[in-house]
Every structure is written in structure tokens, then in C-alpha cells.
Protein backbone atom coordinates (compact mmCIF):
# COMPACT_ATOMS: atom_id res chain seq x y z
CA MET A 1 77.40 70.31 65.78
CA THR A 2 75.46 73.70 64.90
CA LEU A 3 75.76 76.70 67.24
CA LEU A 4 73.06 78.80 65.62
CA PRO A 5 70.27 77.71 68.07
CA HIS A 6 72.31 78.99 71.06
CA VAL A 7 72.78 82.31 69.49
CA ALA A 8 69.07 82.68 67.99
CA ALA A 9 67.96 81.87 71.45
CA ARG A 10 70.05 84.44 73.19
CA LEU A 11 69.52 87.32 70.63
CA PHE A 12 65.67 86.93 70.02
CA GLY A 13 62.89 87.67 72.69
CA ALA A 14 65.38 88.78 75.67
CA PRO A 15 66.30 92.28 76.40
CA LEU A 16 69.53 93.46 75.14
CA LEU A 17 72.13 96.10 76.03
CA ILE A 18 73.61 96.59 72.60
CA HIS A 19 74.21 99.56 70.34
CA ARG A 20 71.46 99.35 67.56
CA PRO A 21 74.16 99.39 64.65
CA LYS A 22 75.92 96.58 66.02
CA LEU A 23 72.57 94.73 66.32
CA ASP A 24 71.78 95.31 62.90
CA VAL A 25 75.09 93.73 61.73
CA ILE A 26 74.13 90.49 63.83
CA LEU A 27 70.70 90.32 62.38
CA SER A 28 72.12 90.64 58.90
CA VAL A 29 73.97 87.89 59.31
CA LEU A 30 71.95 85.74 61.55
CA GLY A 31 68.45 86.56 59.89
CA PRO A 32 68.95 84.75 56.48
CA ARG A 33 70.16 81.67 58.77
CA VAL A 34 66.91 81.07 61.27
CA GLY A 35 66.16 77.59 60.66
CA VAL A 36 69.49 76.57 58.61
CA THR A 37 72.23 74.48 60.07
CA ASP A 38 74.99 76.05 58.24
CA LEU A 39 76.89 77.83 61.04
CA ALA A 40 78.61 74.70 62.53
CA ALA A 41 81.54 74.70 64.55
CA PRO A 42 84.80 73.22 63.25
CA SER A 43 85.95 69.82 63.88
CA ALA A 44 87.91 69.48 67.05
CA PHE A 45 86.98 73.23 67.99
CA ALA A 46 88.29 74.42 71.21
CA PRO A 47 87.70 78.05 71.98
CA PRO A 48 90.64 80.32 72.38
CA GLN A 49 91.47 81.57 75.51
CA ARG A 50 91.12 85.56 75.98
CA PRO A 51 93.97 87.33 77.29
CA SER A 52 94.02 87.31 81.07
CA ALA A 53 94.46 90.33 83.19
CA SER A 54 97.91 91.53 82.37
CA THR A 55 100.31 93.93 83.50
CA ALA A 56 101.17 96.98 81.07
CA SER A 57 104.64 96.65 79.90
CA ALA A 58 105.32 100.31 80.85
CA ASN A 59 104.14 99.63 84.41
CA ASP A 60 104.29 96.55 86.26
CA LYS A 61 101.76 97.90 89.19
CA ILE A 62 98.74 98.38 86.92
CA ALA A 63 96.62 95.01 85.70
CA VAL A 64 95.02 96.00 82.40
CA ILE A 65 91.67 94.25 81.66
CA PRO A 66 90.63 93.98 78.21
CA ILE A 67 86.90 94.08 77.53
CA HIS A 68 86.46 93.88 73.74
CA GLY A 69 83.61 92.80 71.60
CA THR A 70 80.04 91.98 72.14
CA LEU A 71 79.37 91.30 75.93
CA VAL A 72 77.72 87.89 76.88
CA ARG A 73 77.17 85.78 79.85
CA ARG A 74 78.78 82.59 78.47
CA THR A 75 80.48 82.43 75.23
CA VAL A 76 79.37 78.99 74.35
CA GLY A 77 82.62 78.42 72.20
CA LEU A 78 81.71 81.42 69.76
CA GLU A 79 84.80 83.76 70.81
CA ALA A 80 86.92 83.37 67.51
CA GLU A 81 84.00 83.31 65.18
CA SER A 82 81.78 86.17 66.79
CA GLY A 83 84.23 88.29 68.86
CA LEU A 84 82.63 87.78 72.03
CA ALA A 85 83.51 88.33 75.69
CA SER A 86 81.77 86.86 78.53
CA TYR A 87 80.93 88.32 81.92
CA ALA A 88 82.18 85.22 83.75
CA ALA A 89 85.89 85.49 81.94
CA ILE A 90 85.93 89.41 82.89
CA ALA A 91 84.86 88.81 86.60
CA SER A 92 87.65 86.10 86.57
CA GLN A 93 90.18 88.48 85.58
CA LEU A 94 89.03 91.21 88.11
CA ASP A 95 89.47 88.63 90.81
CA ALA A 96 92.95 87.54 89.60
CA ALA A 97 93.99 91.41 89.56
CA LEU A 98 92.83 91.81 93.12
CA ALA A 99 94.48 88.94 94.54
CA ASN A 100 97.58 89.79 92.50
CA PRO A 101 100.15 91.51 95.29
CA ASN A 102 102.09 92.94 92.30
CA ALA A 103 99.18 94.82 91.03
CA SER A 104 98.40 98.35 92.92
CA ALA A 105 95.74 99.51 90.60
CA ILE A 106 93.45 98.18 87.68
CA LEU A 107 92.79 99.41 84.04
CA LEU A 108 89.90 98.45 82.07
CA ASP A 109 90.70 98.87 78.43
CA ILE A 110 86.86 99.00 76.95
CA ASP A 111 86.08 98.90 73.21
CA SER A 112 82.68 97.18 73.18
CA PRO A 113 79.18 98.00 71.78
CA GLY A 114 77.54 96.25 74.38
CA GLY A 115 75.63 92.81 74.52
CA GLU A 116 73.49 90.86 76.97
CA SER A 117 71.58 92.23 79.97
CA GLY A 118 72.11 88.98 81.98
CA GLY A 119 74.97 89.38 84.12
CA VAL A 120 75.92 92.74 83.76
CA PHE A 121 74.73 94.34 86.49
CA ASP A 122 75.98 91.85 88.90
CA LEU A 123 79.49 92.46 87.36
CA ALA A 124 79.16 96.50 87.49
CA ASP A 125 78.66 96.09 91.12
CA ARG A 126 81.72 93.74 91.59
CA ILE A 127 83.55 96.53 89.78
CA ARG A 128 82.73 99.10 91.80
CA SER A 129 83.24 97.11 94.92
CA ALA A 130 86.52 96.22 93.78
CA ALA A 131 87.25 99.98 93.43
CA GLY A 132 86.96 100.12 97.08
CA GLN A 133 89.89 97.55 97.38
CA LYS A 134 92.43 98.83 94.55
CA PRO A 135 91.88 101.82 92.51
CA VAL A 136 90.07 100.95 89.17
CA TRP A 137 89.73 103.30 86.22
CA ALA A 138 88.22 102.70 82.97
CA VAL A 139 88.88 104.09 79.39
CA ALA A 140 86.53 103.90 76.19
CA ASN A 141 88.98 102.82 73.69
CA ASP A 142 87.11 103.80 71.66
CA MET A 143 83.66 102.31 72.57
CA ALA A 144 81.99 101.97 75.75
CA PHE A 145 78.20 101.61 74.71
CA SER A 146 75.29 100.17 76.63
CA ALA A 147 76.43 97.12 78.94
CA ALA A 148 80.01 98.07 78.29
CA TYR A 149 79.25 101.25 79.58
CA ALA A 150 77.17 99.90 82.64
CA LEU A 151 80.62 97.97 83.56
CA ALA A 152 82.69 101.25 82.78
CA SER A 153 80.15 103.29 85.19
CA GLY A 154 81.51 100.75 88.21
CA ALA A 155 85.05 102.28 87.54
CA SER A 156 86.08 105.17 90.15
CA ARG A 157 87.55 107.25 87.26
CA MET A 158 86.52 107.02 83.77
CA PHE A 159 88.24 108.25 80.35
CA VAL A 160 87.02 108.82 76.71
CA SER A 161 89.30 109.05 73.82
CA ARG A 162 89.18 111.86 71.68
CA THR A 163 87.28 109.92 68.96
CA GLY A 164 85.56 107.69 71.48
CA GLY A 165 81.99 107.40 72.87
CA VAL A 166 79.83 106.50 75.66
CA GLY A 167 76.31 106.03 76.61
CA SER A 168 73.41 104.09 74.61
CA ILE A 169 71.88 103.76 78.20
CA GLY A 170 69.10 101.81 76.99
CA VAL A 171 67.55 98.43 76.27
CA ILE A 172 66.06 96.56 73.48
CA ALA A 173 64.21 93.44 72.62
CA MET A 174 63.85 91.65 69.03
CA HIS A 175 61.21 89.34 68.00
CA VAL A 176 61.68 87.57 64.70
CA ASP A 177 58.30 86.27 62.99
CA GLN A 178 59.43 83.76 60.40
CA SER A 179 56.01 82.48 59.71
CA SER A 180 56.24 83.78 56.15
CA LYS A 181 59.34 81.86 55.65
CA ASP A 182 57.49 78.76 56.99
CA ALA A 183 54.76 78.97 54.37
CA GLN A 184 57.05 79.41 51.74
CA ASP A 185 59.00 76.42 52.76
CA GLY A 186 56.01 74.50 53.04
CA VAL A 187 56.21 73.94 57.02
CA ARG A 188 53.77 74.49 59.44
CA TYR A 189 54.58 74.28 63.17
CA THR A 190 52.07 73.67 65.88
CA ALA A 191 52.67 74.21 69.45
CA VAL A 192 51.06 72.15 72.18
CA PHE A 193 51.46 73.63 75.41
CA ALA A 194 49.96 74.15 79.04
CA GLY A 195 50.09 77.56 80.80
CA ASP A 196 48.83 80.79 78.74
CA ARG A 197 52.20 82.35 78.53
CA LYS A 198 54.23 79.11 77.67
CA ASN A 199 53.87 79.87 74.01
CA ASP A 200 54.70 83.54 73.98
CA LEU A 201 57.01 85.12 71.44
CA ASN A 202 57.02 81.71 69.24
CA PRO A 203 59.04 82.72 66.23
CA HIS A 204 56.80 80.52 64.05
CA GLN A 205 53.73 83.07 64.40
CA PRO A 206 52.96 86.59 64.74
CA ILE A 207 53.49 88.17 68.18
CA THR A 208 50.59 88.49 70.07
CA GLY A 209 49.66 91.61 72.07
CA GLU A 210 49.80 89.69 75.33
CA ALA A 211 53.10 88.47 74.70
CA GLN A 212 54.21 92.10 73.13
CA ALA A 213 53.21 93.54 76.40
CA PHE A 214 55.11 90.83 78.54
CA LEU A 215 58.17 91.53 76.97
CA GLN A 216 57.85 95.43 77.05
CA ALA A 217 57.55 94.97 80.54
CA GLU A 218 60.58 93.20 80.93
CA VAL A 219 62.53 95.62 78.88
CA ASP A 220 61.44 98.28 81.15
CA ARG A 221 62.30 96.45 84.15
CA VAL A 222 65.85 95.96 82.70
CA TYR A 223 65.86 99.32 81.98
CA GLY A 224 65.25 100.58 85.46
CA LEU A 225 68.08 98.39 86.58
CA PHE A 226 70.46 100.07 84.15
CA VAL A 227 69.37 103.60 85.00
CA GLU A 228 69.82 102.85 88.59
CA THR A 229 73.06 101.51 88.17
CA VAL A 230 74.68 104.24 86.18
CA ALA A 231 72.87 106.92 88.42
CA LYS A 232 74.59 104.96 91.73
CA HIS A 233 77.74 104.55 89.94
CA ARG A 234 78.10 108.09 88.34
CA ARG A 235 76.32 109.82 91.34
CA LEU A 236 73.87 111.28 88.82
CA ARG A 237 70.02 111.86 89.11
CA ALA A 238 67.94 108.91 87.63
CA ASP A 239 65.62 111.38 85.99
CA ALA A 240 68.99 112.73 84.13
CA VAL A 241 70.11 109.48 82.97
CA VAL A 242 66.74 108.32 81.72
CA ALA A 243 66.84 111.98 79.86
CA THR A 244 69.63 110.73 77.82
CA GLN A 245 67.39 108.47 75.75
CA ALA A 246 69.94 105.93 75.04
CA GLY A 247 71.99 108.99 73.11
CA LEU A 248 75.50 108.74 72.27
CA TYR A 249 78.19 111.07 73.80
CA PHE A 250 81.56 111.39 72.43
CA ALA A 251 84.64 112.90 73.66
CA GLN A 252 84.21 116.33 75.73
CA ASP A 253 80.69 115.88 75.28
CA ALA A 254 80.90 112.60 77.46
CA VAL A 255 82.64 114.66 80.29
CA SER A 256 80.27 117.77 79.96
CA ALA A 257 77.20 115.34 80.58
CA GLY A 258 78.68 113.75 83.75
CA LEU A 259 79.26 110.24 81.98
CA ALA A 260 82.95 110.52 81.90
CA ASP A 261 85.64 112.19 83.82
CA ALA A 262 88.34 113.19 81.30
CA VAL A 263 89.41 113.22 77.74
CA GLY A 264 92.37 111.03 76.92
CA SER A 265 93.74 107.95 75.27
CA PHE A 266 94.50 104.52 76.68
CA ASP A 267 98.25 105.52 77.18
CA ASP A 268 96.72 108.83 79.12
CA ALA A 269 94.78 106.78 81.46
CA LEU A 270 97.49 104.55 82.03
CA ALA A 271 99.84 107.19 82.88
CA GLN A 272 97.50 109.14 85.20
CA LEU A 273 96.89 106.05 87.04
CA HIS A 274 100.50 105.34 87.49
CA ALA A 275 100.99 108.84 89.02
CA SER A 276 97.77 108.42 91.29
CA ILE A 277 99.06 105.48 92.92
CA SER A 278 102.77 106.94 93.03
CA SER A 279 101.04 109.88 94.40
CA ARG A 280 102.65 112.41 92.31
CA PRO A 281 101.06 114.69 89.59
CA ILE A 282 101.53 114.38 85.71
CA LEU A 283 101.15 116.42 82.57
CA LEU A 284 98.39 115.24 80.32
CA ALA A 285 99.17 116.23 76.53
CA SER A 286 96.45 114.81 74.38
CA GLY A 287 95.47 117.19 71.88
CA SER A 288 96.32 120.64 70.91
CA GLY A 289 97.44 122.01 74.62
CA THR A 290 99.00 120.77 77.74
CA SER A 291 97.22 121.14 80.84
CA LEU A 292 97.73 119.82 84.57
CA LYS A 293 95.56 117.16 85.72
CA LEU A 294 95.40 116.27 89.35
CA GLN A 295 95.94 112.71 89.96
CA LYS A 296 93.86 111.74 92.65
CA ASP A 297 91.68 108.50 92.42
CA HIS A 298 87.97 110.18 92.62
CA PRO A 299 85.25 107.73 93.67
CA MET A 300 82.77 109.84 91.75
CA ASN A 301 82.56 112.22 88.90
CA ALA A 302 83.07 115.94 89.48
CA HIS A 303 79.51 116.97 88.87
CA ALA A 304 78.19 115.35 92.10
CA GLU A 305 80.37 117.54 94.19
CA ALA A 306 78.03 119.50 96.91
CA GLY A 307 77.13 122.86 95.66
CA ALA A 308 77.85 121.87 91.84
CA PRO A 309 75.01 122.33 89.03
CA ALA A 310 73.46 119.12 88.22
CA PRO A 311 74.48 117.43 85.19
CA LEU A 312 72.26 116.33 82.24
CA VAL A 313 69.83 119.19 82.64
CA ALA A 314 66.84 118.45 80.71
CA ASP A 315 65.50 120.91 78.31
CA ALA A 316 61.53 120.35 78.53
CA ALA A 317 60.67 122.26 75.50
CA ALA A 318 63.21 121.14 73.19
CA GLY A 319 63.44 117.87 74.56
CA GLN A 320 67.12 117.98 74.39
CA ILE A 321 69.87 117.36 76.60
CA GLN A 322 71.82 120.37 77.80
CA PRO A 323 75.42 120.60 79.57
CA PRO A 324 75.39 122.01 83.00
CA PRO A 325 75.60 125.93 82.95
CA ALA A 326 78.84 127.48 83.39
CA THR A 327 79.96 128.40 86.71
CA ALA A 328 81.46 131.70 87.80
CA SER A 329 85.46 131.90 88.39
CA ALA A 330 85.04 132.74 92.53
CA PRO A 331 84.63 129.93 94.67
CA THR A 332 81.44 129.26 96.08
CA ILE A 333 81.48 129.17 99.74
CA ALA A 334 79.88 125.84 101.26
CA SER A 335 77.73 126.16 104.47
CA ALA A 336 79.24 124.81 107.70
CA GLU A 337 76.61 122.11 107.42
CA THR A 338 77.78 120.63 104.17
CA PHE A 339 81.27 121.14 105.13
CA SER A 340 82.80 117.66 106.43
CA VAL A 341 85.87 116.33 107.67
CA ALA A 342 85.81 114.11 104.40
CA ASP A 343 85.84 117.24 102.26
CA ALA A 344 88.64 118.62 104.41
CA VAL A 345 90.82 115.56 103.97
CA GLU A 346 89.85 115.50 100.26
CA ILE A 347 91.13 118.96 99.92
CA ALA A 348 94.30 118.23 101.76
CA GLN A 349 95.34 115.21 99.65
CA THR A 350 94.08 117.08 96.50
CA CYS A 351 96.56 120.01 97.11
CA ALA A 352 99.31 117.16 98.19
CA LEU A 353 99.05 115.64 95.12
CA ALA A 354 99.22 118.79 93.03
CA GLY A 355 102.28 119.83 94.89
CA ARG A 356 100.39 122.66 96.36
CA SER A 357 100.02 122.08 100.33
CA ASP A 358 100.51 125.90 100.89
CA LEU A 359 96.85 126.51 99.80
CA VAL A 360 95.43 124.16 102.11
CA THR A 361 94.52 126.73 105.15
CA GLY A 362 92.97 129.13 102.77
CA PHE A 363 90.69 126.78 100.79
CA LEU A 364 89.27 125.41 104.36
CA GLU A 365 88.78 128.86 105.80
CA ALA A 366 86.79 129.63 102.76
CA LYS A 367 84.92 126.30 102.95
CA VAL A 368 85.60 125.75 99.11
CA PRO A 369 84.00 122.51 98.06
CA PRO A 370 86.43 120.03 96.78
CA ALA A 371 85.20 120.46 93.10
CA LYS A 372 86.11 123.97 93.47
CA VAL A 373 89.71 123.19 94.81
CA ARG A 374 90.35 121.23 91.94
CA SER A 375 89.25 123.97 89.43
CA HIS A 376 91.42 126.81 91.31
CA LEU A 377 94.58 124.50 91.57
CA LEU A 378 94.43 124.24 87.71
CA ALA A 379 93.88 127.66 87.03
CA ALA A 380 96.69 128.52 89.66
CA GLN A 381 99.11 126.04 87.87
CA ALA A 382 98.40 127.92 84.78
CA ASP A 383 98.69 131.40 85.78
CA SER A 384 101.42 130.81 88.49
CA SER A 385 99.87 133.15 90.91
CA PRO A 386 98.04 131.25 93.97
CA GLU A 387 95.61 133.82 95.88
CA ILE A 388 95.58 131.88 98.90
CA VAL A 389 98.52 131.52 101.42
CA SER A 390 98.76 128.61 103.76
CA ARG A 391 99.92 129.24 107.66
CA ILE A 392 100.33 125.28 108.06
CA ASP A 393 103.87 123.86 107.76
CA PRO A 394 104.08 121.22 105.47
CA ASN A 395 107.57 120.11 106.59
CA ALA A 396 106.37 119.02 109.90
CA PRO A 397 107.89 115.60 111.44
CA ALA A 398 105.87 112.97 110.00
CA LYS A 399 104.94 109.95 112.06
CA SER A 400 106.65 107.46 109.81
CA ALA A 401 108.55 107.16 106.86
CA LEU A 402 105.65 105.61 105.02
CA ALA A 403 103.32 108.82 105.73
CA ALA A 404 106.64 111.15 104.78
CA ALA A 405 106.46 109.56 101.63
CA ASN A 406 102.98 109.52 100.85
CA PRO A 407 101.32 112.90 100.84
CA ALA A 408 97.83 111.34 100.52
CA SER A 409 98.40 109.19 103.60
CA PRO A 410 96.31 109.99 106.63
CA ASN A 411 99.46 109.76 108.71
CA ASN A 412 100.73 112.71 106.53
CA PRO A 413 101.46 115.75 109.04
CA LEU A 414 99.32 117.79 106.75
CA ILE A 415 96.34 115.62 106.78
CA GLN A 416 96.93 115.57 110.63
CA ALA A 417 96.71 119.34 110.90
CA VAL A 418 93.67 119.62 108.85
CA LYS A 419 91.63 117.40 111.19
CA SER A 420 92.90 119.18 113.89
CA ARG A 421 92.29 122.66 112.52
CA LEU A 422 88.65 121.44 111.59
CA GLY A 423 87.97 120.10 114.92
CA ALA A 424 88.79 123.16 116.50
CA SER A 425 86.93 125.45 114.21
CA ASN A 426 83.88 123.32 115.28
CA THR A 427 84.34 123.74 118.88
């Protein structure tokens, strides 16, 4: 049994979401074998089982889902030979993690150049939906390109390692013309068909202008889905996503561009996620220094906050993507129309998770956006000189033992006080 036709049919003439160097590697191996039946499956071949969603050894509350290798809708028994991972298998692991009562959160461990377009956007949406049930974080460890980034964008928080990269938000399709090889082999193929488009992309003849236009239209359509998915999940402007021009962003550049939320290793992401579900802060020490990172699970990147500069600003003259301009250190005052109860609750939760509940009232009185609150808490931690003093007693009696134990709970007395205070200020 040869598996070559299955691979060729899915590689040529179809839109792919894959990092170009990886595509070149595949082509260098498969290209000379087009029409040759030497890629045979071993006798009694049984595809190995990929690791199922597991729990990290250091933390039995987090299900880790590996997303490694080239991504396809179905593997057709090629996992061992080609390092493929199927969307169907990843979806099954995601469902298992959601159903597992012992898993309080999910971490996507991603190291993939991307792959097929078929099925990727449905899975990305399933990941985003899962993030509404349990915290779902992702880490580019080291590579989350193209289709792999589409999946990562569905997570509520995205890490990238110091040597890792994200992006490649683009689509590519290849057509192979082997008519010259056919002539050398003394073989001529004649297609008998009905329907003008039935013989489009025939590998045994040069591509026609009409067929190329059809393929380009499909590439553009899938690209539109890709841009829409990333813009929606990362809360970026669609034109800003397009302006990346399928470029690659590494480490801090990815964070500055709004394509990731933090630079950190797999272990950093795991530790922060553990701290997040445990509602306590942790110090992240990946690199030359140690800095406080708040442990709240944010369903969006920080660039999307009201009043924040839009990420991925396109330089029309140079055609380059520039990071958002630096902001002043003083908090920007939000208007009453844009400051909501949800903002107030998020501020209270963020302060509680940082162990600085005493700062809540001052932030609320100034109507400081949540993104600015996080920045000032980091600065306050570093300087040990908070500038705003609260008049709310964080030790007020809790309605339940659970509320007292969880500072981010809506039943926490601090959260209740915030809602009451905001309601009074609007009357």
C-alpha cells in the first residue's frame, strides 16, 4: 500500500497554512517521488497513538495538550513517518480535558510550523469556546506559525519562549506541473471530463490562467478567514493583522505586536497558570531579571483595552510594521461612558491577585483603565511606593468560606464593595 497519493492530493492545489521553509522541506522529499510508488507503508503498519491530554507532573490541576509537528485534518497513518498531528486528535484531547474534573485549566504546548487549512478554524473556535469554561493558555515552545498560530490565538493567554516565534499569518498553495517529466518518461495523460473546471490543476499539464485565478480566489478566501480568526481572538484590527504580511515575530517583538502576551518558557507558563487558578501571585524569572507578573487569566491581550494604542501600526511610507508608541507613566483617565462595572470588577480582581487590595478605591476614583492598573501595579511592586490609598476595608466579613479563600470570586467582599461603590457613583 502506497501512501504517496494521499500526501500529494493534500499538498498540491489546496490552500495551506504552513511556514514556507517547512513546505520547502516537504517538497524536496516528495517532489522527486511524484509518480513513484516507493513510499510504502510497512507491513502490518499501525499508526502510534499520540500522547493524550496529560497532567503536568508538578501540578495535577493542569491538562497539557501537545500540539507538535505538521498539522493536518486527518493523519491517514503517517504520524510516525512524517511527524503529523491531526486536528481531530487535538479536539478529542481538548474535550477530554474539559470533561476531566481533576483538570482546572488547560495548557497548549505548541511547537508546529502549521499545516492544512481544512479544520483549523473550527478547532481554533473550539479552543476559544473552551476558554470560557476553563482557563486555556498556550505557549509557543518554540514555534507557533501559521495554522499553529491560528490555534494558539484561541487561547485566553499566549506565551512565547525567548527563542520562540509566532505569526506567519498567511496562506499558500502550490501546483506541480510534471508534464516535462511525463514527456521524458514517454508518457502522455489525456483527461476526458465534463464541466469546464473539472480538469483544473491537472498536474500533467501546465496550469491554465482560469485555473490559477480560481486557486488564487480560494487562497484569498481562506486568508480572509485566517485574518478574521486572529483579529477576533486577539482583539486586533483586521487591517493590522493583514499588515503583518505573514511575517514572523519572535520573543518580545511578538508581545509588542500584540500577537503574544508574555515572554516565558513552558515552565513559566505552567507556573503562572497554576498560580492563576490558585489565585495567588508569582514571580517570573526567565531571563536576566525578575519581574512581577499578575496571575489573572485575561481573555484578551493588553493592547485591546479601551484607550490603549492600537497594535501593529502600519508605516505606509516604509511598508513596515511598527510597535505601538510608548505611553506616559501617568494613568490615562477614562471617560465615564467607557468605564463599566466589568472594568471595575476586573480592577478589583487584578489588585486582589497582586496582593494590593488597598489600591482599588484610588484606581476607581480616577477611572483608570484595567490595562493601566496592571502597569502601575508592576511599577508599584518594583518601587514599593504605592501612590493611591484605599478606603475600603479588604477584611470585611465574607459571605462564605469560598469567597474568603478566593480573592477573584464575585462573592469576595472587596468585589461586592466595588460594585456598590460604582453603583452609588452613577446615581
